[in-house]
Amino acid sequence: MRVDESDTYFDEFARVCHEDDLFTGELELKGDNGELLELTDYYSGLKHGTEEHWYPDGRKKLQGANRMNSAVGDWYQWHPNGQLAAHRTFTENGWPLHVKRWDVDGNLIEDKQLSKPAK
């Protein structure tokens, strides 16, 4: 099921609900002209699955995956001109492992390995 963000609400635990139930499906956010700006998968009210964002002109802005409300795997972010802005990597539990960032001209401005959590 795909629903518009305006047809949902948050419960007292900050989970997304639709028609008095925890939402499972695709949640979309559209711009003023009807263009798709965000599309996020949810399971039982939590972000779970693919998340994508676009600029109003249709260019990709953000792409990644979530597992039970935590970012996992590889996440990418782009500048409005289409240049890659960031690449972040997360563990399967949402712990940040690595981040690379570029300026709008494509120059690397950060390349940082982050520590893994203690077991």
PDB file of N, CA and C in Angstrom:
ATOM      1  N   MET A   1       0.848  -1.174   0.000  1.00  0.00           N
ATOM      2  CA  MET A   1       0.000   0.000   0.000  1.00  0.00           C
ATOM      3  C   MET A   1       0.895   1.238   0.000  1.00  0.00           C
ATOM      4  N   ARG A   2       0.548   2.225  -0.788  1.00  0.00           N
ATOM      5  CA  ARG A   2       1.267   3.499  -0.815  1.00  0.00           C
ATOM      6  C   ARG A   2       0.300   4.597  -0.394  1.00  0.00           C
ATOM      7  N   VAL A   3       0.738   5.404   0.590  1.00  0.00           N
ATOM      8  CA  VAL A   3      -0.096   6.511   1.060  1.00  0.00           C
ATOM      9  C   VAL A   3       0.722   7.792   1.106  1.00  0.00           C
ATOM     10  N   ASP A   4       0.023   8.906   1.074  1.00  0.00           N
ATOM     11  CA  ASP A   4       0.642  10.209   1.179  1.00  0.00           C
ATOM     12  C   ASP A   4       0.918  10.518   2.648  1.00  0.00           C
ATOM     13  N   GLU A   5       2.041  11.177   2.891  1.00  0.00           N
ATOM     14  CA  GLU A   5       2.434  11.529   4.257  1.00  0.00           C
ATOM     15  C   GLU A   5       1.329  12.277   5.001  1.00  0.00           C
ATOM     16  N   SER A   6       0.559  13.089   4.294  1.00  0.00           N
ATOM     17  CA  SER A   6      -0.497  13.883   4.933  1.00  0.00           C
ATOM     18  C   SER A   6      -1.631  13.011   5.480  1.00  0.00           C
ATOM     19  N   ASP A   7      -1.681  11.749   5.075  1.00  0.00           N
ATOM     20  CA  ASP A   7      -2.717  10.830   5.562  1.00  0.00           C
ATOM     21  C   ASP A   7      -2.230   9.977   6.732  1.00  0.00           C
ATOM     22  N   THR A   8      -1.105  10.356   7.318  1.00  0.00           N
ATOM     23  CA  THR A   8      -0.548   9.601   8.437  1.00  0.00           C
ATOM     24  C   THR A   8      -0.364  10.517   9.643  1.00  0.00           C
ATOM     25  N   TYR A   9      -0.080   9.906  10.774  1.00  0.00           N
ATOM     26  CA  TYR A   9       0.210  10.654  11.998  1.00  0.00           C
ATOM     27  C   TYR A   9       1.128   9.801  12.875  1.00  0.00           C
ATOM     28  N   PHE A  10       1.740  10.445  13.868  1.00  0.00           N
ATOM     29  CA  PHE A  10       2.608   9.736  14.810  1.00  0.00           C
ATOM     30  C   PHE A  10       1.835   9.384  16.071  1.00  0.00           C
ATOM     31  N   ASP A  11       2.072   8.177  16.593  1.00  0.00           N
ATOM     32  CA  ASP A  11       1.480   7.820  17.880  1.00  0.00           C
ATOM     33  C   ASP A  11       2.387   8.307  19.004  1.00  0.00           C
ATOM     34  N   GLU A  12       2.071   7.972  20.238  1.00  0.00           N
ATOM     35  CA  GLU A  12       2.832   8.455  21.388  1.00  0.00           C
ATOM     36  C   GLU A  12       4.262   7.898  21.445  1.00  0.00           C
ATOM     37  N   PHE A  13       4.564   6.869  20.652  1.00  0.00           N
ATOM     38  CA  PHE A  13       5.909   6.298  20.596  1.00  0.00           C
ATOM     39  C   PHE A  13       6.661   6.707  19.320  1.00  0.00           C
ATOM     40  N   ALA A  14       6.146   7.722  18.621  1.00  0.00           N
ATOM     41  CA  ALA A  14       6.726   8.256  17.390  1.00  0.00           C
ATOM     42  C   ALA A  14       6.734   7.237  16.255  1.00  0.00           C
ATOM     43  N   ARG A  15       5.765   6.332  16.257  1.00  0.00           N
ATOM     44  CA  ARG A  15       5.584   5.397  15.142  1.00  0.00           C
ATOM     45  C   ARG A  15       4.546   5.980  14.198  1.00  0.00           C
ATOM     46  N   VAL A  16       4.688   5.692  12.920  1.00  0.00           N
ATOM     47  CA  VAL A  16       3.759   6.224  11.917  1.00  0.00           C
ATOM     48  C   VAL A  16       2.509   5.353  11.862  1.00  0.00           C
ATOM     49  N   CYS A  17       1.364   6.027  11.901  1.00  0.00           N
ATOM     50  CA  CYS A  17       0.068   5.337  11.857  1.00  0.00           C
ATOM     51  C   CYS A  17      -0.757   5.843  10.680  1.00  0.00           C
ATOM     52  N   HIS A  18      -1.618   4.970  10.205  1.00  0.00           N
ATOM     53  CA  HIS A  18      -2.550   5.294   9.119  1.00  0.00           C
ATOM     54  C   HIS A  18      -3.864   4.599   9.428  1.00  0.00           C
ATOM     55  N   GLU A  19      -4.939   5.376   9.455  1.00  0.00           N
ATOM     56  CA  GLU A  19      -6.276   4.844   9.749  1.00  0.00           C
ATOM     57  C   GLU A  19      -6.276   3.999  11.022  1.00  0.00           C
ATOM     58  N   ASP A  20      -5.707   4.543  12.088  1.00  0.00           N
ATOM     59  CA  ASP A  20      -5.700   3.942  13.429  1.00  0.00           C
ATOM     60  C   ASP A  20      -4.904   2.656  13.559  1.00  0.00           C
ATOM     61  N   ASP A  21      -4.024   2.364  12.603  1.00  0.00           N
ATOM     62  CA  ASP A  21      -3.141   1.198  12.682  1.00  0.00           C
ATOM     63  C   ASP A  21      -1.704   1.629  12.435  1.00  0.00           C
ATOM     64  N   LEU A  22      -0.753   0.858  12.964  1.00  0.00           N
ATOM     65  CA  LEU A  22       0.646   1.086  12.623  1.00  0.00           C
ATOM     66  C   LEU A  22       0.798   0.863  11.123  1.00  0.00           C
ATOM     67  N   PHE A  23       1.496   1.785  10.472  1.00  0.00           N
ATOM     68  CA  PHE A  23       1.572   1.758   9.017  1.00  0.00           C
ATOM     69  C   PHE A  23       2.618   0.779   8.504  1.00  0.00           C
ATOM     70  N   THR A  24       2.225  -0.028   7.526  1.00  0.00           N
ATOM     71  CA  THR A  24       3.129  -0.876   6.764  1.00  0.00           C
ATOM     72  C   THR A  24       2.870  -0.598   5.292  1.00  0.00           C
ATOM     73  N   GLY A  25       3.918  -0.206   4.576  1.00  0.00           N
ATOM     74  CA  GLY A  25       3.791   0.103   3.157  1.00  0.00           C
ATOM     75  C   GLY A  25       4.741   1.212   2.771  1.00  0.00           C
ATOM     76  N   GLU A  26       4.450   1.872   1.656  1.00  0.00           N
ATOM     77  CA  GLU A  26       5.282   2.965   1.159  1.00  0.00           C
ATOM     78  C   GLU A  26       4.636   4.302   1.511  1.00  0.00           C
ATOM     79  N   LEU A  27       5.422   5.175   2.102  1.00  0.00           N
ATOM     80  CA  LEU A  27       4.959   6.507   2.450  1.00  0.00           C
ATOM     81  C   LEU A  27       5.600   7.491   1.492  1.00  0.00           C
ATOM     82  N   GLU A  28       4.779   8.298   0.835  1.00  0.00           N
ATOM     83  CA  GLU A  28       5.304   9.259  -0.133  1.00  0.00           C
ATOM     84  C   GLU A  28       5.048  10.683   0.324  1.00  0.00           C
ATOM     85  N   LEU A  29       5.959  11.545  -0.073  1.00  0.00           N
ATOM     86  CA  LEU A  29       5.833  12.976   0.148  1.00  0.00           C
ATOM     87  C   LEU A  29       5.952  13.635  -1.207  1.00  0.00           C
ATOM     88  N   LYS A  30       4.961  14.444  -1.551  1.00  0.00           N
ATOM     89  CA  LYS A  30       4.967  15.135  -2.838  1.00  0.00           C
ATOM     90  C   LYS A  30       5.135  16.629  -2.633  1.00  0.00           C
ATOM     91  N   GLY A  31       5.740  17.277  -3.629  1.00  0.00           N
ATOM     92  CA  GLY A  31       5.956  18.714  -3.594  1.00  0.00           C
ATOM     93  C   GLY A  31       4.705  19.475  -3.986  1.00  0.00           C
ATOM     94  N   ASP A  32       4.818  20.781  -3.986  1.00  0.00           N
ATOM     95  CA  ASP A  32       3.680  21.653  -4.310  1.00  0.00           C
ATOM     96  C   ASP A  32       3.104  21.394  -5.691  1.00  0.00           C
ATOM     97  N   ASN A  33       3.934  20.944  -6.629  1.00  0.00           N
ATOM     98  CA  ASN A  33       3.470  20.685  -7.991  1.00  0.00           C
ATOM     99  C   ASN A  33       3.174  19.203  -8.234  1.00  0.00           C
ATOM    100  N   GLY A  34       3.101  18.421  -7.169  1.00  0.00           N
ATOM    101  CA  GLY A  34       2.779  17.003  -7.294  1.00  0.00           C
ATOM    102  C   GLY A  34       3.962  16.096  -7.575  1.00  0.00           C
ATOM    103  N   GLU A  35       5.179  16.659  -7.626  1.00  0.00           N
ATOM    104  CA  GLU A  35       6.358  15.842  -7.896  1.00  0.00           C
ATOM    105  C   GLU A  35       6.719  15.019  -6.651  1.00  0.00           C
ATOM    106  N   LEU A  36       7.150  13.796  -6.875  1.00  0.00           N
ATOM    107  CA  LEU A  36       7.534  12.906  -5.788  1.00  0.00           C
ATOM    108  C   LEU A  36       8.867  13.375  -5.216  1.00  0.00           C
ATOM    109  N   LEU A  37       8.892  13.674  -3.902  1.00  0.00           N
ATOM    110  CA  LEU A  37      10.105  14.143  -3.239  1.00  0.00           C
ATOM    111  C   LEU A  37      10.715  13.084  -2.321  1.00  0.00           C
ATOM    112  N   GLU A  38       9.869  12.228  -1.744  1.00  0.00           N
ATOM    113  CA  GLU A  38      10.363  11.187  -0.846  1.00  0.00           C
ATOM    114  C   GLU A  38       9.491   9.946  -0.973  1.00  0.00           C
ATOM    115  N   LEU A  39      10.136   8.787  -0.855  1.00  0.00           N
ATOM    116  CA  LEU A  39       9.433   7.510  -0.842  1.00  0.00           C
ATOM    117  C   LEU A  39      10.171   6.611   0.148  1.00  0.00           C
ATOM    118  N   THR A  40       9.470   6.189   1.191  1.00  0.00           N
ATOM    119  CA  THR A  40      10.090   5.432   2.275  1.00  0.00           C
ATOM    120  C   THR A  40       9.227   4.229   2.624  1.00  0.00           C
ATOM    121  N   ASP A  41       9.877   3.069   2.766  1.00  0.00           N
ATOM    122  CA  ASP A  41       9.184   1.848   3.188  1.00  0.00           C
ATOM    123  C   ASP A  41       9.062   1.827   4.711  1.00  0.00           C
ATOM    124  N   TYR A  42       7.902   1.361   5.179  1.00  0.00           N
ATOM    125  CA  TYR A  42       7.627   1.239   6.611  1.00  0.00           C
ATOM    126  C   TYR A  42       7.106  -0.154   6.924  1.00  0.00           C
ATOM    127  N   TYR A  43       7.390  -0.598   8.144  1.00  0.00           N
ATOM    128  CA  TYR A  43       6.838  -1.851   8.657  1.00  0.00           C
ATOM    129  C   TYR A  43       6.446  -1.611  10.111  1.00  0.00           C
ATOM    130  N   SER A  44       5.201  -1.833  10.409  1.00  0.00           N
ATOM    131  CA  SER A  44       4.667  -1.647  11.768  1.00  0.00           C
ATOM    132  C   SER A  44       5.023  -0.278  12.344  1.00  0.00           C
ATOM    133  N   GLY A  45       4.933   0.746  11.513  1.00  0.00           N
ATOM    134  CA  GLY A  45       5.135   2.118  11.958  1.00  0.00           C
ATOM    135  C   GLY A  45       6.562   2.608  11.965  1.00  0.00           C
ATOM    136  N   LEU A  46       7.522   1.745  11.604  1.00  0.00           N
ATOM    137  CA  LEU A  46       8.935   2.108  11.618  1.00  0.00           C
ATOM    138  C   LEU A  46       9.519   2.057  10.211  1.00  0.00           C
ATOM    139  N   LYS A  47      10.507   2.930   9.952  1.00  0.00           N
ATOM    140  CA  LYS A  47      11.198   2.876   8.668  1.00  0.00           C
ATOM    141  C   LYS A  47      11.887   1.520   8.557  1.00  0.00           C
ATOM    142  N   HIS A  48      11.589   0.807   7.487  1.00  0.00           N
ATOM    143  CA  HIS A  48      12.144  -0.534   7.305  1.00  0.00           C
ATOM    144  C   HIS A  48      12.143  -0.854   5.813  1.00  0.00           C
ATOM    145  N   GLY A  49      13.317  -0.784   5.200  1.00  0.00           N
ATOM    146  CA  GLY A  49      13.429  -0.984   3.765  1.00  0.00           C
ATOM    147  C   GLY A  49      14.035   0.235   3.110  1.00  0.00           C
ATOM    148  N   THR A  50      13.740   0.421   1.856  1.00  0.00           N
ATOM    149  CA  THR A  50      14.335   1.484   1.043  1.00  0.00           C
ATOM    150  C   THR A  50      13.792   2.861   1.421  1.00  0.00           C
ATOM    151  N   GLU A  51      14.691   3.848   1.353  1.00  0.00           N
ATOM    152  CA  GLU A  51      14.309   5.252   1.511  1.00  0.00           C
ATOM    153  C   GLU A  51      14.995   6.039   0.408  1.00  0.00           C
ATOM    154  N   GLU A  52      14.210   6.823  -0.344  1.00  0.00           N
ATOM    155  CA  GLU A  52      14.750   7.634  -1.432  1.00  0.00           C
ATOM    156  C   GLU A  52      14.144   9.028  -1.379  1.00  0.00           C
ATOM    157  N   HIS A  53      14.979  10.043  -1.678  1.00  0.00           N
ATOM    158  CA  HIS A  53      14.533  11.428  -1.751  1.00  0.00           C
ATOM    159  C   HIS A  53      15.015  12.002  -3.078  1.00  0.00           C
ATOM    160  N   TRP A  54      14.233  12.935  -3.635  1.00  0.00           N
ATOM    161  CA  TRP A  54      14.578  13.602  -4.885  1.00  0.00           C
ATOM    162  C   TRP A  54      14.449  15.108  -4.715  1.00  0.00           C
ATOM    163  N   TYR A  55      15.226  15.830  -5.503  1.00  0.00           N
ATOM    164  CA  TYR A  55      15.050  17.277  -5.605  1.00  0.00           C
ATOM    165  C   TYR A  55      13.807  17.527  -6.465  1.00  0.00           C
ATOM    166  N   PRO A  56      13.191  18.716  -6.380  1.00  0.00           N
ATOM    167  CA  PRO A  56      11.991  18.996  -7.173  1.00  0.00           C
ATOM    168  C   PRO A  56      12.171  18.793  -8.681  1.00  0.00           C
ATOM    169  N   ASP A  57      13.409  18.922  -9.193  1.00  0.00           N
ATOM    170  CA  ASP A  57      13.626  18.722 -10.630  1.00  0.00           C
ATOM    171  C   ASP A  57      13.768  17.246 -11.001  1.00  0.00           C
ATOM    172  N   GLY A  58      13.649  16.347 -10.020  1.00  0.00           N
ATOM    173  CA  GLY A  58      13.708  14.918 -10.290  1.00  0.00           C
ATOM    174  C   GLY A  58      15.061  14.271 -10.050  1.00  0.00           C
ATOM    175  N   ARG A  59      16.085  15.071  -9.805  1.00  0.00           N
ATOM    176  CA  ARG A  59      17.404  14.497  -9.523  1.00  0.00           C
ATOM    177  C   ARG A  59      17.401  13.823  -8.152  1.00  0.00           C
ATOM    178  N   LYS A  60      18.145  12.724  -8.057  1.00  0.00           N
ATOM    179  CA  LYS A  60      18.247  11.989  -6.802  1.00  0.00           C
ATOM    180  C   LYS A  60      18.934  12.845  -5.750  1.00  0.00           C
ATOM    181  N   LYS A  61      18.413  12.827  -4.532  1.00  0.00           N
ATOM    182  CA  LYS A  61      18.960  13.599  -3.418  1.00  0.00           C
ATOM    183  C   LYS A  61      19.550  12.687  -2.340  1.00  0.00           C
ATOM    184  N   LEU A  62      18.887  11.559  -2.052  1.00  0.00           N
ATOM    185  CA  LEU A  62      19.298  10.672  -0.967  1.00  0.00           C
ATOM    186  C   LEU A  62      18.797   9.269  -1.265  1.00  0.00           C
ATOM    187  N   GLN A  63      19.614   8.269  -0.914  1.00  0.00           N
ATOM    188  CA  GLN A  63      19.201   6.886  -1.116  1.00  0.00           C
ATOM    189  C   GLN A  63      19.881   6.002  -0.084  1.00  0.00           C
ATOM    190  N   GLY A  64      19.080   5.135   0.548  1.00  0.00           N
ATOM    191  CA  GLY A  64      19.632   4.199   1.516  1.00  0.00           C
ATOM    192  C   GLY A  64      18.573   3.220   1.961  1.00  0.00           C
ATOM    193  N   ALA A  65      18.903   2.461   3.000  1.00  0.00           N
ATOM    194  CA  ALA A  65      17.977   1.472   3.545  1.00  0.00           C
ATOM    195  C   ALA A  65      17.944   1.582   5.062  1.00  0.00           C
ATOM    196  N   ASN A  66      16.810   1.206   5.624  1.00  0.00           N
ATOM    197  CA  ASN A  66      16.608   1.213   7.066  1.00  0.00           C
ATOM    198  C   ASN A  66      16.213  -0.176   7.534  1.00  0.00           C
ATOM    199  N   ARG A  67      16.557  -0.471   8.768  1.00  0.00           N
ATOM    200  CA  ARG A  67      16.082  -1.686   9.424  1.00  0.00           C
ATOM    201  C   ARG A  67      15.535  -1.270  10.781  1.00  0.00           C
ATOM    202  N   MET A  68      14.241  -1.392  10.926  1.00  0.00           N
ATOM    203  CA  MET A  68      13.539  -1.038  12.160  1.00  0.00           C
ATOM    204  C   MET A  68      13.977   0.331  12.694  1.00  0.00           C
ATOM    205  N   ASN A  69      13.918   1.314  11.822  1.00  0.00           N
ATOM    206  CA  ASN A  69      14.170   2.740  12.111  1.00  0.00           C
ATOM    207  C   ASN A  69      15.644   3.114  12.193  1.00  0.00           C
ATOM    208  N   SER A  70      16.549   2.216  11.865  1.00  0.00           N
ATOM    209  CA  SER A  70      17.975   2.526  11.868  1.00  0.00           C
ATOM    210  C   SER A  70      18.532   2.444  10.447  1.00  0.00           C
ATOM    211  N   ALA A  71      19.368   3.409  10.093  1.00  0.00           N
ATOM    212  CA  ALA A  71      20.053   3.371   8.805  1.00  0.00           C
ATOM    213  C   ALA A  71      20.998   2.177   8.794  1.00  0.00           C
ATOM    214  N   VAL A  72      21.009   1.416   7.693  1.00  0.00           N
ATOM    215  CA  VAL A  72      21.898   0.262   7.549  1.00  0.00           C
ATOM    216  C   VAL A  72      22.526   0.275   6.161  1.00  0.00           C
ATOM    217  N   GLY A  73      23.702  -0.356   6.049  1.00  0.00           N
ATOM    218  CA  GLY A  73      24.349  -0.480   4.744  1.00  0.00           C
ATOM    219  C   GLY A  73      24.859   0.845   4.223  1.00  0.00           C
ATOM    220  N   ASP A  74      24.840   0.980   2.905  1.00  0.00           N
ATOM    221  CA  ASP A  74      25.357   2.168   2.224  1.00  0.00           C
ATOM    222  C   ASP A  74      24.274   3.203   2.002  1.00  0.00           C
ATOM    223  N   TRP A  75      24.586   4.432   2.348  1.00  0.00           N
ATOM    224  CA  TRP A  75      23.715   5.576   2.121  1.00  0.00           C
ATOM    225  C   TRP A  75      24.455   6.569   1.234  1.00  0.00           C
ATOM    226  N   TYR A  76      23.735   7.137   0.263  1.00  0.00           N
ATOM    227  CA  TYR A  76      24.307   8.106  -0.672  1.00  0.00           C
ATOM    228  C   TYR A  76      23.479   9.378  -0.642  1.00  0.00           C
ATOM    229  N   GLN A  77      24.176  10.515  -0.761  1.00  0.00           N
ATOM    230  CA  GLN A  77      23.521  11.818  -0.838  1.00  0.00           C
ATOM    231  C   GLN A  77      24.169  12.597  -1.966  1.00  0.00           C
ATOM    232  N   TRP A  78      23.364  13.340  -2.741  1.00  0.00           N
ATOM    233  CA  TRP A  78      23.858  14.108  -3.879  1.00  0.00           C
ATOM    234  C   TRP A  78      23.581  15.594  -3.702  1.00  0.00           C
ATOM    235  N   HIS A  79      24.474  16.409  -4.270  1.00  0.00           N
ATOM    236  CA  HIS A  79      24.245  17.853  -4.356  1.00  0.00           C
ATOM    237  C   HIS A  79      23.173  18.098  -5.427  1.00  0.00           C
ATOM    238  N   PRO A  80      22.531  19.265  -5.419  1.00  0.00           N
ATOM    239  CA  PRO A  80      21.521  19.572  -6.443  1.00  0.00           C
ATOM    240  C   PRO A  80      22.037  19.482  -7.879  1.00  0.00           C
ATOM    241  N   ASN A  81      23.342  19.651  -8.092  1.00  0.00           N
ATOM    242  CA  ASN A  81      23.895  19.580  -9.447  1.00  0.00           C
ATOM    243  C   ASN A  81      24.152  18.140  -9.899  1.00  0.00           C
ATOM    244  N   GLY A  82      23.838  17.165  -9.049  1.00  0.00           N
ATOM    245  CA  GLY A  82      24.027  15.763  -9.394  1.00  0.00           C
ATOM    246  C   GLY A  82      25.332  15.170  -8.902  1.00  0.00           C
ATOM    247  N   GLN A  83      26.231  16.002  -8.394  1.00  0.00           N
ATOM    248  CA  GLN A  83      27.521  15.533  -7.867  1.00  0.00           C
ATOM    249  C   GLN A  83      27.298  14.798  -6.545  1.00  0.00           C
ATOM    250  N   LEU A  84      27.957  13.666  -6.371  1.00  0.00           N
ATOM    251  CA  LEU A  84      27.875  12.932  -5.117  1.00  0.00           C
ATOM    252  C   LEU A  84      28.362  13.818  -3.977  1.00  0.00           C
ATOM    253  N   ALA A  85      27.559  13.899  -2.911  1.00  0.00           N
ATOM    254  CA  ALA A  85      27.882  14.749  -1.761  1.00  0.00           C
ATOM    255  C   ALA A  85      28.400  13.934  -0.588  1.00  0.00           C
ATOM    256  N   ALA A  86      27.868  12.718  -0.405  1.00  0.00           N
ATOM    257  CA  ALA A  86      28.283  11.908   0.739  1.00  0.00           C
ATOM    258  C   ALA A  86      28.000  10.440   0.484  1.00  0.00           C
ATOM    259  N   HIS A  87      28.853   9.610   1.059  1.00  0.00           N
ATOM    260  CA  HIS A  87      28.642   8.162   1.100  1.00  0.00           C
ATOM    261  C   HIS A  87      28.904   7.749   2.538  1.00  0.00           C
ATOM    262  N   ARG A  88      27.880   7.197   3.161  1.00  0.00           N
ATOM    263  CA  ARG A  88      27.995   6.747   4.549  1.00  0.00           C
ATOM    264  C   ARG A  88      27.703   5.257   4.601  1.00  0.00           C
ATOM    265  N   THR A  89      28.427   4.554   5.471  1.00  0.00           N
ATOM    266  CA  THR A  89      28.213   3.123   5.642  1.00  0.00           C
ATOM    267  C   THR A  89      27.873   2.854   7.100  1.00  0.00           C
ATOM    268  N   PHE A  90      26.841   2.015   7.297  1.00  0.00           N
ATOM    269  CA  PHE A  90      26.357   1.659   8.634  1.00  0.00           C
ATOM    270  C   PHE A  90      26.357   0.141   8.801  1.00  0.00           C
ATOM    271  N   THR A  91      26.509  -0.313  10.050  1.00  0.00           N
ATOM    272  CA  THR A  91      26.412  -1.745  10.335  1.00  0.00           C
ATOM    273  C   THR A  91      24.960  -2.185  10.205  1.00  0.00           C
ATOM    274  N   GLU A  92      24.729  -3.486  10.325  1.00  0.00           N
ATOM    275  CA  GLU A  92      23.362  -4.020  10.270  1.00  0.00           C
ATOM    276  C   GLU A  92      22.530  -3.573  11.467  1.00  0.00           C
ATOM    277  N   ASN A  93      23.182  -3.018  12.490  1.00  0.00           N
ATOM    278  CA  ASN A  93      22.476  -2.495  13.666  1.00  0.00           C
ATOM    279  C   ASN A  93      22.399  -0.974  13.678  1.00  0.00           C
ATOM    280  N   GLY A  94      22.852  -0.333  12.593  1.00  0.00           N
ATOM    281  CA  GLY A  94      22.736   1.114  12.484  1.00  0.00           C
ATOM    282  C   GLY A  94      23.911   1.908  13.022  1.00  0.00           C
ATOM    283  N   TRP A  95      25.011   1.237  13.347  1.00  0.00           N
ATOM    284  CA  TRP A  95      26.186   1.948  13.854  1.00  0.00           C
ATOM    285  C   TRP A  95      26.970   2.511  12.674  1.00  0.00           C
ATOM    286  N   PRO A  96      27.309   3.809  12.673  1.00  0.00           N
ATOM    287  CA  PRO A  96      28.068   4.388  11.553  1.00  0.00           C
ATOM    288  C   PRO A  96      29.500   3.860  11.508  1.00  0.00           C
ATOM    289  N   LEU A  97      29.942   3.420  10.328  1.00  0.00           N
ATOM    290  CA  LEU A  97      31.281   2.861  10.155  1.00  0.00           C
ATOM    291  C   LEU A  97      32.231   3.777   9.392  1.00  0.00           C
ATOM    292  N   HIS A  98      31.700   4.441   8.345  1.00  0.00           N
ATOM    293  CA  HIS A  98      32.575   5.201   7.461  1.00  0.00           C
ATOM    294  C   HIS A  98      31.781   6.335   6.826  1.00  0.00           C
ATOM    295  N   VAL A  99      32.441   7.458   6.615  1.00  0.00           N
ATOM    296  CA  VAL A  99      31.801   8.573   5.921  1.00  0.00           C
ATOM    297  C   VAL A  99      32.821   9.210   4.976  1.00  0.00           C
ATOM    298  N   LYS A 100      32.346   9.480   3.767  1.00  0.00           N
ATOM    299  CA  LYS A 100      33.100  10.248   2.775  1.00  0.00           C
ATOM    300  C   LYS A 100      32.187  11.373   2.321  1.00  0.00           C
ATOM    301  N   ARG A 101      32.759  12.588   2.220  1.00  0.00           N
ATOM    302  CA  ARG A 101      31.977  13.733   1.744  1.00  0.00           C
ATOM    303  C   ARG A 101      32.765  14.480   0.686  1.00  0.00           C
ATOM    304  N   TRP A 102      32.025  15.027  -0.296  1.00  0.00           N
ATOM    305  CA  TRP A 102      32.599  15.802  -1.386  1.00  0.00           C
ATOM    306  C   TRP A 102      31.919  17.165  -1.451  1.00  0.00           C
ATOM    307  N   ASP A 103      32.652  18.168  -1.907  1.00  0.00           N
ATOM    308  CA  ASP A 103      32.020  19.471  -2.127  1.00  0.00           C
ATOM    309  C   ASP A 103      31.263  19.432  -3.461  1.00  0.00           C
ATOM    310  N   VAL A 104      30.617  20.518  -3.780  1.00  0.00           N
ATOM    311  CA  VAL A 104      29.763  20.588  -4.960  1.00  0.00           C
ATOM    312  C   VAL A 104      30.539  20.406  -6.263  1.00  0.00           C
ATOM    313  N   ASP A 105      31.868  20.610  -6.212  1.00  0.00           N
ATOM    314  CA  ASP A 105      32.703  20.437  -7.391  1.00  0.00           C
ATOM    315  C   ASP A 105      33.334  19.052  -7.481  1.00  0.00           C
ATOM    316  N   GLY A 106      33.035  18.187  -6.516  1.00  0.00           N
ATOM    317  CA  GLY A 106      33.559  16.827  -6.548  1.00  0.00           C
ATOM    318  C   GLY A 106      34.867  16.624  -5.815  1.00  0.00           C
ATOM    319  N   ASN A 107      35.316  17.617  -5.074  1.00  0.00           N
ATOM    320  CA  ASN A 107      36.553  17.492  -4.302  1.00  0.00           C
ATOM    321  C   ASN A 107      36.277  16.802  -2.971  1.00  0.00           C
ATOM    322  N   LEU A 108      37.046  15.784  -2.651  1.00  0.00           N
ATOM    323  CA  LEU A 108      36.885  15.062  -1.392  1.00  0.00           C
ATOM    324  C   LEU A 108      37.236  15.988  -0.230  1.00  0.00           C
ATOM    325  N   ILE A 109      36.302  16.151   0.717  1.00  0.00           N
ATOM    326  CA  ILE A 109      36.539  17.037   1.859  1.00  0.00           C
ATOM    327  C   ILE A 109      36.558  16.276   3.179  1.00  0.00           C
ATOM    328  N   GLU A 110      36.138  15.017   3.164  1.00  0.00           N
ATOM    329  CA  GLU A 110      36.196  14.204   4.382  1.00  0.00           C
ATOM    330  C   GLU A 110      36.230  12.733   3.990  1.00  0.00           C
ATOM    331  N   ASP A 111      37.071  11.970   4.668  1.00  0.00           N
ATOM    332  CA  ASP A 111      37.148  10.516   4.490  1.00  0.00           C
ATOM    333  C   ASP A 111      37.495   9.967   5.866  1.00  0.00           C
ATOM    334  N   LYS A 112      36.478   9.547   6.592  1.00  0.00           N
ATOM    335  CA  LYS A 112      36.668   9.215   7.999  1.00  0.00           C
ATOM    336  C   LYS A 112      36.154   7.816   8.309  1.00  0.00           C
ATOM    337  N   GLN A 113      37.043   6.992   8.838  1.00  0.00           N
ATOM    338  CA  GLN A 113      36.677   5.665   9.334  1.00  0.00           C
ATOM    339  C   GLN A 113      36.227   5.852  10.778  1.00  0.00           C
ATOM    340  N   LEU A 114      35.076   5.322  11.126  1.00  0.00           N
ATOM    341  CA  LEU A 114      34.554   5.467  12.477  1.00  0.00           C
ATOM    342  C   LEU A 114      34.737   4.159  13.238  1.00  0.00           C
ATOM    343  N   SER A 115      34.765   4.239  14.529  1.00  0.00           N
ATOM    344  CA  SER A 115      34.983   3.065  15.364  1.00  0.00           C
ATOM    345  C   SER A 115      33.757   2.177  15.426  1.00  0.00           C
ATOM    346  N   LYS A 116      33.989   0.876  15.458  1.00  0.00           N
ATOM    347  CA  LYS A 116      32.895  -0.069  15.663  1.00  0.00           C
ATOM    348  C   LYS A 116      32.538  -0.080  17.143  1.00  0.00           C
ATOM    349  N   PRO A 117      31.268  -0.345  17.464  1.00  0.00           N
ATOM    350  CA  PRO A 117      30.875  -0.396  18.876  1.00  0.00           C
ATOM    351  C   PRO A 117      31.530  -1.591  19.566  1.00  0.00           C
ATOM    352  N   ALA A 118      31.793  -1.430  20.842  1.00  0.00           N
ATOM    353  CA  ALA A 118      32.349  -2.540  21.629  1.00  0.00           C
ATOM    354  C   ALA A 118      31.286  -3.629  21.790  1.00  0.00           C
ATOM    355  N   LYS A 119      31.753  -4.870  21.780  1.00  0.00           N
ATOM    356  CA  LYS A 119      30.804  -5.999  21.929  1.00  0.00           C
ATOM    357  C   LYS A 119      30.633  -6.356  23.377  1.00  0.00           C
TER     358      LYS A 119
END
